Amino acid sequence: MSRTDKVIDSIKRMILEGVLKPGDRLPVEKELAESLGVSRGSLREGISALSLLGVVNTRQGDGTYVTKLDVTRLLAPMGFVIDLEGRGNAQHVHTVRRILECEAAWSAASRITDEALAETRELLDDVNRIADQTPQDHERVIEIDIHFHRIIAVHSGNPVLAGLIDAFAGRTVRARLWRSLHEEGADRRTHEEHLAIWKALKARDPERARLRMANHLIGVEEALHNLPDDPSPVPGQTDRPVAEPAGPAVEG
């Protein structure tokens, strides 16, 4: 184990053992380096790595603090693994996503609030309005799609499950934008599938919610076979990132 790894492991252990709690300030650099038996340079490298992982946050002139240790943020680095695997095995990525989101839909059916149901219905109504416009705002449709799945994941009642789903959020935006632009009726079919999921959630029917989600995501997986290796937007379309609504994450 390198000295930098020792710093990372030691601080993680301090958090797990309750010595450091979310929001706590780490000891000053000189004291912490001495207590861990490492140089201040190694300490800084370890702190930098933990900062990238979302474990600590360094505030200029104020010190380093343990973050809230939000599950979604801690799982964010998984996005790179998903991107790496998805380069040649997108089907594998989508299969895992389907497993996770079907479980989330099943769980959310008995937990989702009336307020969340109202919010998701407003999102679906917004898509319905966009579908009648010319030209259609495909980027906005995808933003709504992401938000719709995010709400379901959050209301699964399982923050780890929601965090895992969030790690997949936005990983297929370019492919989905290509599909939206090239596959006739794709946005309308997605809307109808989302509406079926919403009705199952409103009925508080876990099994139907799971089946409706599976039906929706299997359709998404099947569409992958028609996508080019590099699903770049068509000429005339911007390649701007699709903005994700504020809140805990997920895409569809």
C-alpha atoms as a PDB file:
ATOM      1  CA  MET A   1       0.000   0.000   0.000  1.00  0.00           C
ATOM      2  CA  SER A   2       1.379   3.406  -1.012  1.00  0.00           C
ATOM      3  CA  ARG A   3       1.363   6.298   1.455  1.00  0.00           C
ATOM      4  CA  THR A   4      -1.423   7.946  -0.537  1.00  0.00           C
ATOM      5  CA  ASP A   5      -3.484   4.758  -0.322  1.00  0.00           C
ATOM      6  CA  LYS A   6      -2.787   4.681   3.406  1.00  0.00           C
ATOM      7  CA  VAL A   7      -4.274   8.182   3.741  1.00  0.00           C
ATOM      8  CA  ILE A   8      -7.374   7.189   1.766  1.00  0.00           C
ATOM      9  CA  ASP A   9      -7.861   3.975   3.718  1.00  0.00           C
ATOM     10  CA  SER A  10      -7.267   5.644   7.095  1.00  0.00           C
ATOM     11  CA  ILE A  11      -9.752   8.468   6.535  1.00  0.00           C
ATOM     12  CA  LYS A  12     -12.363   6.049   5.201  1.00  0.00           C
ATOM     13  CA  ARG A  13     -11.896   3.907   8.294  1.00  0.00           C
ATOM     14  CA  MET A  14     -12.278   6.963  10.541  1.00  0.00           C
ATOM     15  CA  ILE A  15     -15.601   7.699   8.858  1.00  0.00           C
ATOM     16  CA  LEU A  16     -16.812   4.085   9.095  1.00  0.00           C
ATOM     17  CA  GLU A  17     -15.885   3.939  12.787  1.00  0.00           C
ATOM     18  CA  GLY A  18     -17.649   7.217  13.518  1.00  0.00           C
ATOM     19  CA  VAL A  19     -14.527   9.164  14.413  1.00  0.00           C
ATOM     20  CA  LEU A  20     -15.423  11.512  11.562  1.00  0.00           C
ATOM     21  CA  LYS A  21     -19.062  12.205  10.722  1.00  0.00           C
ATOM     22  CA  PRO A  22     -20.749  13.980   7.795  1.00  0.00           C
ATOM     23  CA  GLY A  23     -20.013  17.701   8.089  1.00  0.00           C
ATOM     24  CA  ASP A  24     -17.004  17.259  10.401  1.00  0.00           C
ATOM     25  CA  ARG A  25     -13.836  19.197   9.711  1.00  0.00           C
ATOM     26  CA  LEU A  26     -10.678  17.124   9.336  1.00  0.00           C
ATOM     27  CA  PRO A  27      -7.762  17.942  11.665  1.00  0.00           C
ATOM     28  CA  VAL A  28      -5.309  20.526  10.324  1.00  0.00           C
ATOM     29  CA  GLU A  29      -2.899  19.209   7.731  1.00  0.00           C
ATOM     30  CA  LYS A  30       0.213  19.054   9.966  1.00  0.00           C
ATOM     31  CA  GLU A  31      -1.578  17.193  12.779  1.00  0.00           C
ATOM     32  CA  LEU A  32      -3.352  14.749  10.472  1.00  0.00           C
ATOM     33  CA  ALA A  33      -0.170  13.942   8.541  1.00  0.00           C
ATOM     34  CA  GLU A  34       1.692  13.229  11.771  1.00  0.00           C
ATOM     35  CA  SER A  35      -1.097  11.059  13.183  1.00  0.00           C
ATOM     36  CA  LEU A  36      -1.193   8.989   9.975  1.00  0.00           C
ATOM     37  CA  GLY A  37       2.599   8.802   9.708  1.00  0.00           C
ATOM     38  CA  VAL A  38       2.755  10.267   6.203  1.00  0.00           C
ATOM     39  CA  SER A  39       4.219  13.364   4.569  1.00  0.00           C
ATOM     40  CA  ARG A  40       2.048  16.398   3.951  1.00  0.00           C
ATOM     41  CA  GLY A  41       2.450  15.792   0.212  1.00  0.00           C
ATOM     42  CA  SER A  42       1.031  12.259   0.504  1.00  0.00           C
ATOM     43  CA  LEU A  43      -1.770  13.606   2.690  1.00  0.00           C
ATOM     44  CA  ARG A  44      -2.695  16.186   0.045  1.00  0.00           C
ATOM     45  CA  GLU A  45      -2.751  13.512  -2.664  1.00  0.00           C
ATOM     46  CA  GLY A  46      -5.008  11.312  -0.552  1.00  0.00           C
ATOM     47  CA  ILE A  47      -7.339  14.209   0.250  1.00  0.00           C
ATOM     48  CA  SER A  48      -7.487  15.094  -3.450  1.00  0.00           C
ATOM     49  CA  ALA A  49      -8.485  11.525  -4.330  1.00  0.00           C
ATOM     50  CA  LEU A  50     -11.167  11.461  -1.623  1.00  0.00           C
ATOM     51  CA  SER A  51     -12.471  14.782  -2.913  1.00  0.00           C
ATOM     52  CA  LEU A  52     -12.886  13.318  -6.408  1.00  0.00           C
ATOM     53  CA  LEU A  53     -14.785  10.405  -4.857  1.00  0.00           C
ATOM     54  CA  GLY A  54     -17.156  12.818  -3.100  1.00  0.00           C
ATOM     55  CA  VAL A  55     -16.026  11.795   0.391  1.00  0.00           C
ATOM     56  CA  VAL A  56     -14.490  15.120   1.435  1.00  0.00           C
ATOM     57  CA  ASN A  57     -14.695  18.705   0.280  1.00  0.00           C
ATOM     58  CA  THR A  58     -11.843  21.206   0.624  1.00  0.00           C
ATOM     59  CA  ARG A  59     -12.848  24.816   1.176  1.00  0.00           C
ATOM     60  CA  GLN A  60     -10.183  27.336   0.305  1.00  0.00           C
ATOM     61  CA  GLY A  61      -8.883  28.934   3.468  1.00  0.00           C
ATOM     62  CA  ASP A  62     -11.290  27.001   5.690  1.00  0.00           C
ATOM     63  CA  GLY A  63     -10.073  23.408   5.712  1.00  0.00           C
ATOM     64  CA  THR A  64     -11.357  20.034   4.563  1.00  0.00           C
ATOM     65  CA  TYR A  65     -14.744  18.653   5.578  1.00  0.00           C
ATOM     66  CA  VAL A  66     -16.481  15.306   5.300  1.00  0.00           C
ATOM     67  CA  THR A  67     -19.340  15.677   2.821  1.00  0.00           C
ATOM     68  CA  LYS A  68     -22.924  14.642   3.496  1.00  0.00           C
ATOM     69  CA  LEU A  69     -21.861  11.263   2.036  1.00  0.00           C
ATOM     70  CA  ASP A  70     -24.825  11.308  -0.310  1.00  0.00           C
ATOM     71  CA  VAL A  71     -25.180   7.889  -1.951  1.00  0.00           C
ATOM     72  CA  THR A  72     -25.903   9.355  -5.374  1.00  0.00           C
ATOM     73  CA  ARG A  73     -22.723  11.428  -5.316  1.00  0.00           C
ATOM     74  CA  LEU A  74     -20.593   8.577  -3.987  1.00  0.00           C
ATOM     75  CA  LEU A  75     -21.801   6.279  -6.765  1.00  0.00           C
ATOM     76  CA  ALA A  76     -21.241   8.883  -9.499  1.00  0.00           C
ATOM     77  CA  PRO A  77     -17.775   7.510 -10.426  1.00  0.00           C
ATOM     78  CA  MET A  78     -19.573   4.379 -11.639  1.00  0.00           C
ATOM     79  CA  GLY A  79     -20.548   6.470 -14.653  1.00  0.00           C
ATOM     80  CA  PHE A  80     -17.051   5.958 -16.084  1.00  0.00           C
ATOM     81  CA  VAL A  81     -17.351   2.184 -15.722  1.00  0.00           C
ATOM     82  CA  ILE A  82     -20.727   2.297 -17.460  1.00  0.00           C
ATOM     83  CA  ASP A  83     -19.309   4.446 -20.271  1.00  0.00           C
ATOM     84  CA  LEU A  84     -16.346   2.099 -20.650  1.00  0.00           C
ATOM     85  CA  GLU A  85     -18.506  -1.022 -20.759  1.00  0.00           C
ATOM     86  CA  GLY A  86     -21.103   0.637 -22.956  1.00  0.00           C
ATOM     87  CA  ARG A  87     -18.621   1.316 -25.764  1.00  0.00           C
ATOM     88  CA  GLY A  88     -18.924  -2.248 -27.042  1.00  0.00           C
ATOM     89  CA  ASN A  89     -21.520  -3.788 -24.764  1.00  0.00           C
ATOM     90  CA  ALA A  90     -24.352  -1.280 -24.566  1.00  0.00           C
ATOM     91  CA  GLN A  91     -26.819  -4.175 -24.364  1.00  0.00           C
ATOM     92  CA  HIS A  92     -25.234  -5.313 -21.095  1.00  0.00           C
ATOM     93  CA  VAL A  93     -25.544  -1.839 -19.608  1.00  0.00           C
ATOM     94  CA  HIS A  94     -29.210  -1.566 -20.581  1.00  0.00           C
ATOM     95  CA  THR A  95     -29.987  -5.025 -19.203  1.00  0.00           C
ATOM     96  CA  VAL A  96     -28.629  -4.042 -15.783  1.00  0.00           C
ATOM     97  CA  ARG A  97     -30.526  -0.773 -15.979  1.00  0.00           C
ATOM     98  CA  ARG A  98     -33.765  -2.659 -16.713  1.00  0.00           C
ATOM     99  CA  ILE A  99     -33.258  -4.924 -13.691  1.00  0.00           C
ATOM    100  CA  LEU A 100     -32.684  -1.947 -11.402  1.00  0.00           C
ATOM    101  CA  GLU A 101     -35.534   0.203 -12.717  1.00  0.00           C
ATOM    102  CA  CYS A 102     -38.083  -2.627 -12.694  1.00  0.00           C
ATOM    103  CA  GLU A 103     -37.311  -3.190  -9.027  1.00  0.00           C
ATOM    104  CA  ALA A 104     -37.613   0.551  -8.391  1.00  0.00           C
ATOM    105  CA  ALA A 105     -41.029   0.667 -10.079  1.00  0.00           C
ATOM    106  CA  TRP A 106     -42.232  -2.314  -8.041  1.00  0.00           C
ATOM    107  CA  SER A 107     -41.118  -0.688  -4.808  1.00  0.00           C
ATOM    108  CA  ALA A 108     -42.317   2.818  -5.697  1.00  0.00           C
ATOM    109  CA  ALA A 109     -45.868   1.628  -6.411  1.00  0.00           C
ATOM    110  CA  SER A 110     -46.540   1.288  -2.703  1.00  0.00           C
ATOM    111  CA  ARG A 111     -44.492   4.310  -1.602  1.00  0.00           C
ATOM    112  CA  ILE A 112     -44.891   7.102  -4.121  1.00  0.00           C
ATOM    113  CA  THR A 113     -46.681  10.158  -2.761  1.00  0.00           C
ATOM    114  CA  ASP A 114     -49.712  11.869  -4.231  1.00  0.00           C
ATOM    115  CA  GLU A 115     -47.528  14.927  -4.805  1.00  0.00           C
ATOM    116  CA  ALA A 116     -45.024  12.892  -6.815  1.00  0.00           C
ATOM    117  CA  LEU A 117     -47.821  11.336  -8.847  1.00  0.00           C
ATOM    118  CA  ALA A 118     -49.133  14.806  -9.627  1.00  0.00           C
ATOM    119  CA  GLU A 119     -45.651  15.972 -10.616  1.00  0.00           C
ATOM    120  CA  THR A 120     -45.071  13.005 -12.934  1.00  0.00           C
ATOM    121  CA  ARG A 121     -48.481  13.533 -14.510  1.00  0.00           C
ATOM    122  CA  GLU A 122     -47.570  17.144 -15.252  1.00  0.00           C
ATOM    123  CA  LEU A 123     -44.374  15.931 -16.918  1.00  0.00           C
ATOM    124  CA  LEU A 124     -46.344  13.530 -19.110  1.00  0.00           C
ATOM    125  CA  ASP A 125     -48.833  16.255 -20.024  1.00  0.00           C
ATOM    126  CA  ASP A 126     -45.904  18.455 -21.022  1.00  0.00           C
ATOM    127  CA  VAL A 127     -44.614  15.740 -23.372  1.00  0.00           C
ATOM    128  CA  ASN A 128     -48.088  15.390 -24.842  1.00  0.00           C
ATOM    129  CA  ARG A 129     -48.088  19.092 -25.680  1.00  0.00           C
ATOM    130  CA  ILE A 130     -44.618  18.912 -27.214  1.00  0.00           C
ATOM    131  CA  ALA A 131     -45.697  16.001 -29.415  1.00  0.00           C
ATOM    132  CA  ASP A 132     -48.183  18.296 -31.175  1.00  0.00           C
ATOM    133  CA  GLN A 133     -45.602  20.978 -31.882  1.00  0.00           C
ATOM    134  CA  THR A 134     -43.580  21.457 -35.049  1.00  0.00           C
ATOM    135  CA  PRO A 135     -40.657  21.204 -34.787  1.00  0.00           C
ATOM    136  CA  GLN A 136     -40.590  19.039 -31.693  1.00  0.00           C
ATOM    137  CA  ASP A 137     -38.208  19.854 -28.860  1.00  0.00           C
ATOM    138  CA  HIS A 138     -36.532  16.438 -28.612  1.00  0.00           C
ATOM    139  CA  GLU A 139     -34.007  17.600 -26.022  1.00  0.00           C
ATOM    140  CA  ARG A 140     -36.806  18.725 -23.710  1.00  0.00           C
ATOM    141  CA  VAL A 141     -38.561  15.375 -24.156  1.00  0.00           C
ATOM    142  CA  ILE A 142     -35.414  13.595 -22.995  1.00  0.00           C
ATOM    143  CA  GLU A 143     -35.030  15.962 -20.022  1.00  0.00           C
ATOM    144  CA  ILE A 144     -38.564  15.077 -18.963  1.00  0.00           C
ATOM    145  CA  ASP A 145     -37.841  11.397 -19.529  1.00  0.00           C
ATOM    146  CA  ILE A 146     -34.842  11.561 -17.197  1.00  0.00           C
ATOM    147  CA  HIS A 147     -36.852  13.389 -14.542  1.00  0.00           C
ATOM    148  CA  PHE A 148     -39.748  10.912 -14.781  1.00  0.00           C
ATOM    149  CA  HIS A 149     -37.484   7.939 -14.081  1.00  0.00           C
ATOM    150  CA  ARG A 150     -35.653   9.873 -11.385  1.00  0.00           C
ATOM    151  CA  ILE A 151     -38.844  10.454  -9.405  1.00  0.00           C
ATOM    152  CA  ILE A 152     -39.696   6.752  -9.526  1.00  0.00           C
ATOM    153  CA  ALA A 153     -36.208   5.766  -8.367  1.00  0.00           C
ATOM    154  CA  VAL A 154     -36.257   8.206  -5.454  1.00  0.00           C
ATOM    155  CA  HIS A 155     -39.666   6.937  -4.324  1.00  0.00           C
ATOM    156  CA  SER A 156     -38.473   3.336  -4.298  1.00  0.00           C
ATOM    157  CA  GLY A 157     -37.525   4.106  -0.701  1.00  0.00           C
ATOM    158  CA  ASN A 158     -34.053   2.662  -1.268  1.00  0.00           C
ATOM    159  CA  PRO A 159     -31.342   5.335  -1.597  1.00  0.00           C
ATOM    160  CA  VAL A 160     -28.740   2.793  -2.720  1.00  0.00           C
ATOM    161  CA  LEU A 161     -31.010   1.553  -5.511  1.00  0.00           C
ATOM    162  CA  ALA A 162     -31.768   5.146  -6.499  1.00  0.00           C
ATOM    163  CA  GLY A 163     -28.050   5.946  -6.477  1.00  0.00           C
ATOM    164  CA  LEU A 164     -27.234   2.990  -8.707  1.00  0.00           C
ATOM    165  CA  ILE A 165     -29.956   3.993 -11.155  1.00  0.00           C
ATOM    166  CA  ASP A 166     -28.659   7.546 -11.087  1.00  0.00           C
ATOM    167  CA  ALA A 167     -25.224   6.297 -12.126  1.00  0.00           C
ATOM    168  CA  PHE A 168     -26.864   5.201 -15.389  1.00  0.00           C
ATOM    169  CA  ALA A 169     -28.681   8.504 -15.886  1.00  0.00           C
ATOM    170  CA  GLY A 170     -27.604  10.396 -18.950  1.00  0.00           C
ATOM    171  CA  ARG A 171     -25.194   7.654 -20.078  1.00  0.00           C
ATOM    172  CA  THR A 172     -27.318   6.996 -23.193  1.00  0.00           C
ATOM    173  CA  VAL A 173     -28.569  10.495 -23.941  1.00  0.00           C
ATOM    174  CA  ARG A 174     -26.799  10.746 -27.294  1.00  0.00           C
ATOM    175  CA  ALA A 175     -28.143   7.368 -28.413  1.00  0.00           C
ATOM    176  CA  ARG A 176     -31.630   8.235 -27.251  1.00  0.00           C
ATOM    177  CA  LEU A 177     -31.529  11.580 -29.004  1.00  0.00           C
ATOM    178  CA  TRP A 178     -30.520   9.793 -32.209  1.00  0.00           C
ATOM    179  CA  ARG A 179     -33.431   7.396 -31.787  1.00  0.00           C
ATOM    180  CA  SER A 180     -35.845  10.245 -31.100  1.00  0.00           C
ATOM    181  CA  LEU A 181     -34.751  12.008 -34.297  1.00  0.00           C
ATOM    182  CA  HIS A 182     -34.590   8.987 -36.608  1.00  0.00           C
ATOM    183  CA  GLU A 183     -37.189   6.479 -35.398  1.00  0.00           C
ATOM    184  CA  GLU A 184     -40.644   7.561 -36.448  1.00  0.00           C
ATOM    185  CA  GLY A 185     -43.070   7.791 -33.537  1.00  0.00           C
ATOM    186  CA  ALA A 186     -40.392   7.011 -30.916  1.00  0.00           C
ATOM    187  CA  ASP A 187     -41.325   9.922 -28.653  1.00  0.00           C
ATOM    188  CA  ARG A 188     -45.032   9.113 -28.847  1.00  0.00           C
ATOM    189  CA  ARG A 189     -44.445   5.424 -28.042  1.00  0.00           C
ATOM    190  CA  THR A 190     -42.241   6.340 -25.103  1.00  0.00           C
ATOM    191  CA  HIS A 191     -44.949   8.691 -23.854  1.00  0.00           C
ATOM    192  CA  GLU A 192     -47.598   5.957 -24.011  1.00  0.00           C
ATOM    193  CA  GLU A 193     -45.308   3.537 -22.175  1.00  0.00           C
ATOM    194  CA  HIS A 194     -44.603   6.141 -19.486  1.00  0.00           C
ATOM    195  CA  LEU A 195     -48.322   6.766 -19.151  1.00  0.00           C
ATOM    196  CA  ALA A 196     -48.908   3.036 -18.601  1.00  0.00           C
ATOM    197  CA  ILE A 197     -46.237   3.033 -15.884  1.00  0.00           C
ATOM    198  CA  TRP A 198     -47.855   6.076 -14.269  1.00  0.00           C
ATOM    199  CA  LYS A 199     -51.288   4.421 -14.233  1.00  0.00           C
ATOM    200  CA  ALA A 200     -49.829   1.344 -12.518  1.00  0.00           C
ATOM    201  CA  LEU A 201     -48.168   3.550  -9.913  1.00  0.00           C
ATOM    202  CA  LYS A 202     -51.381   5.498  -9.349  1.00  0.00           C
ATOM    203  CA  ALA A 203     -53.242   2.199  -8.883  1.00  0.00           C
ATOM    204  CA  ARG A 204     -50.618   1.211  -6.267  1.00  0.00           C
ATOM    205  CA  ASP A 205     -50.079  -2.034  -8.193  1.00  0.00           C
ATOM    206  CA  PRO A 206     -46.433  -3.156  -7.756  1.00  0.00           C
ATOM    207  CA  GLU A 207     -46.539  -6.087 -10.178  1.00  0.00           C
ATOM    208  CA  ARG A 208     -48.186  -4.097 -12.947  1.00  0.00           C
ATOM    209  CA  ALA A 209     -45.729  -1.254 -12.406  1.00  0.00           C
ATOM    210  CA  ARG A 210     -42.839  -3.696 -12.747  1.00  0.00           C
ATOM    211  CA  LEU A 211     -44.307  -5.223 -15.916  1.00  0.00           C
ATOM    212  CA  ARG A 212     -44.999  -1.830 -17.499  1.00  0.00           C
ATOM    213  CA  MET A 213     -41.460  -0.679 -16.752  1.00  0.00           C
ATOM    214  CA  ALA A 214     -40.046  -3.916 -18.188  1.00  0.00           C
ATOM    215  CA  ASN A 215     -42.107  -3.508 -21.350  1.00  0.00           C
ATOM    216  CA  HIS A 216     -40.841   0.067 -21.754  1.00  0.00           C
ATOM    217  CA  LEU A 217     -37.167  -0.721 -21.220  1.00  0.00           C
ATOM    218  CA  ILE A 218     -37.204  -3.867 -23.361  1.00  0.00           C
ATOM    219  CA  GLY A 219     -38.382  -1.629 -26.199  1.00  0.00           C
ATOM    220  CA  VAL A 220     -35.455   0.700 -25.503  1.00  0.00           C
ATOM    221  CA  GLU A 221     -33.047  -2.253 -25.583  1.00  0.00           C
ATOM    222  CA  GLU A 222     -34.444  -3.529 -28.879  1.00  0.00           C
ATOM    223  CA  ALA A 223     -33.977  -0.082 -30.438  1.00  0.00           C
ATOM    224  CA  LEU A 224     -30.231  -0.323 -29.717  1.00  0.00           C
ATOM    225  CA  HIS A 225     -29.846  -2.769 -32.597  1.00  0.00           C
ATOM    226  CA  ASN A 226     -30.750   0.002 -35.052  1.00  0.00           C
ATOM    227  CA  LEU A 227     -28.306   2.576 -33.719  1.00  0.00           C
ATOM    228  CA  PRO A 228     -24.987   3.363 -35.426  1.00  0.00           C
ATOM    229  CA  ASP A 229     -21.722   2.875 -33.543  1.00  0.00           C
ATOM    230  CA  ASP A 230     -21.437   6.656 -33.102  1.00  0.00           C
ATOM    231  CA  PRO A 231     -24.993   7.985 -32.617  1.00  0.00           C
ATOM    232  CA  SER A 232     -24.088  11.636 -33.153  1.00  0.00           C
ATOM    233  CA  PRO A 233     -26.934  14.101 -33.676  1.00  0.00           C
ATOM    234  CA  VAL A 234     -27.886  14.770 -37.258  1.00  0.00           C
ATOM    235  CA  PRO A 235     -26.682  17.925 -39.027  1.00  0.00           C
ATOM    236  CA  GLY A 236     -28.477  20.970 -37.724  1.00  0.00           C
ATOM    237  CA  GLN A 237     -28.848  19.530 -34.228  1.00  0.00           C
ATOM    238  CA  THR A 238     -26.694  20.910 -31.456  1.00  0.00           C
ATOM    239  CA  ASP A 239     -24.571  18.599 -29.390  1.00  0.00           C
ATOM    240  CA  ARG A 240     -25.274  20.495 -26.183  1.00  0.00           C
ATOM    241  CA  PRO A 241     -25.623  18.406 -23.033  1.00  0.00           C
ATOM    242  CA  VAL A 242     -29.182  17.597 -22.090  1.00  0.00           C
ATOM    243  CA  ALA A 243     -29.908  19.525 -18.910  1.00  0.00           C
ATOM    244  CA  GLU A 244     -31.022  17.383 -16.017  1.00  0.00           C
ATOM    245  CA  PRO A 245     -33.660  18.777 -13.676  1.00  0.00           C
ATOM    246  CA  ALA A 246     -32.516  19.446 -10.141  1.00  0.00           C
ATOM    247  CA  GLY A 247     -32.920  16.626  -7.701  1.00  0.00           C
ATOM    248  CA  PRO A 248     -31.718  13.106  -7.159  1.00  0.00           C
ATOM    249  CA  ALA A 249     -31.289  11.477 -10.723  1.00  0.00           C
ATOM    250  CA  VAL A 250     -32.604   8.920 -13.838  1.00  0.00           C
ATOM    251  CA  GLU A 251     -33.291   8.440 -17.488  1.00  0.00           C
ATOM    252  CA  GLY A 252     -35.621   6.545 -19.720  1.00  0.00           C
END
